[in-house]
Amino acid sequence: MIHSQLHQNALDLLLSLVLPYGCSFSVLSDSTYRISCPDYEIADKVWENRVNCIFPLLKSGQALEVVASNYYARSHPKI
């Protein structure tokens, strides 16, 4: 439990440094994370940069969603 909480706190901190202004990060379940962005262009840029900036922070089996008012993308779980 403590290890999981430490990983979550570290992930929150690292993502706050990586995400563009206006985007927020939330946990949907133990294996799915959501990044909400203010518009399509920012969400699309976050999605394009996920492999280099966000996936290295996730553990195996975890997935990522990027959403905006007119944008939705969901990854396959990380291997």
Protein backbone atom coordinates (compact mmCIF):
# COMPACT_ATOMS: atom_id res chain seq x y z
CA MET A 1 0.00 0.00 0.00
CA ILE A 2 2.74 2.48 0.92
CA HIS A 3 4.76 1.62 -2.21
CA SER A 4 1.69 2.21 -4.37
CA GLN A 5 1.05 5.55 -2.70
CA LEU A 6 4.68 6.62 -3.14
CA HIS A 7 4.58 5.71 -6.83
CA GLN A 8 1.35 7.71 -7.26
CA ASN A 9 2.80 10.77 -5.51
CA ALA A 10 5.97 10.60 -7.62
CA LEU A 11 3.91 10.14 -10.79
CA ASP A 12 1.73 13.15 -9.90
CA LEU A 13 4.80 15.32 -9.35
CA LEU A 14 6.56 14.24 -12.54
CA LEU A 15 3.46 14.69 -14.67
CA SER A 16 2.89 18.16 -13.25
CA LEU A 17 6.31 19.06 -14.67
CA VAL A 18 5.71 17.42 -18.08
CA LEU A 19 2.13 18.44 -18.88
CA PRO A 20 1.30 21.71 -20.63
CA TYR A 21 -0.42 24.51 -18.75
CA GLY A 22 -4.15 23.87 -18.40
CA CYS A 23 -3.92 20.07 -18.46
CA SER A 24 -4.77 18.03 -15.39
CA PHE A 25 -4.06 14.44 -14.40
CA SER A 26 -6.45 12.07 -12.66
CA VAL A 27 -6.62 8.40 -11.74
CA LEU A 28 -9.60 6.48 -13.13
CA SER A 29 -8.58 3.09 -11.72
CA ASP A 30 -5.45 1.26 -10.60
CA SER A 31 -4.48 0.81 -14.24
CA THR A 32 -5.94 3.80 -16.11
CA TYR A 33 -4.86 7.43 -15.95
CA ARG A 34 -6.58 10.37 -17.61
CA ILE A 35 -5.10 13.64 -18.79
CA SER A 36 -7.70 16.33 -19.41
CA CYS A 37 -6.70 19.23 -21.63
CA PRO A 38 -8.47 22.51 -22.39
CA ASP A 39 -8.69 22.07 -26.17
CA TYR A 40 -8.11 19.77 -29.12
CA GLU A 41 -4.70 21.12 -30.13
CA ILE A 42 -3.15 20.73 -26.68
CA ALA A 43 -4.70 17.27 -26.22
CA ASP A 44 -3.36 16.16 -29.59
CA LYS A 45 0.13 17.44 -28.73
CA VAL A 46 0.05 15.56 -25.39
CA TRP A 47 -1.05 12.41 -27.21
CA GLU A 48 1.75 12.76 -29.78
CA ASN A 49 4.34 13.18 -27.02
CA ARG A 50 3.04 10.36 -24.78
CA VAL A 51 5.60 7.76 -25.86
CA ASN A 52 8.62 9.87 -24.94
CA CYS A 53 7.25 11.92 -22.03
CA ILE A 54 4.53 9.93 -20.26
CA PHE A 55 4.84 6.20 -20.98
CA PRO A 56 8.25 5.92 -19.26
CA LEU A 57 6.51 7.04 -16.05
CA LEU A 58 3.85 4.30 -16.20
CA LYS A 59 4.16 0.76 -14.92
CA SER A 60 3.45 -2.37 -16.94
CA GLY A 61 -0.29 -2.89 -17.48
CA GLN A 62 -1.22 0.77 -17.04
CA ALA A 63 -3.07 2.69 -19.74
CA LEU A 64 -3.48 6.37 -20.55
CA GLU A 65 -6.42 8.44 -21.77
CA VAL A 66 -6.10 11.95 -23.16
CA VAL A 67 -9.32 13.95 -23.40
CA ALA A 68 -10.60 17.41 -24.31
CA SER A 69 -14.07 18.67 -25.16
CA ASN A 70 -13.75 17.34 -28.72
CA TYR A 71 -10.87 14.86 -28.34
CA TYR A 72 -10.47 11.34 -26.94
CA ALA A 73 -7.58 8.91 -27.25
CA ARG A 74 -6.82 5.80 -25.19
CA SER A 75 -3.65 3.74 -25.23
CA HIS A 76 -3.26 0.01 -24.93
CA PRO A 77 -1.84 -1.08 -21.58
CA LYS A 78 1.91 -0.64 -21.35
CA ILE A 79 3.81 -3.88 -21.82
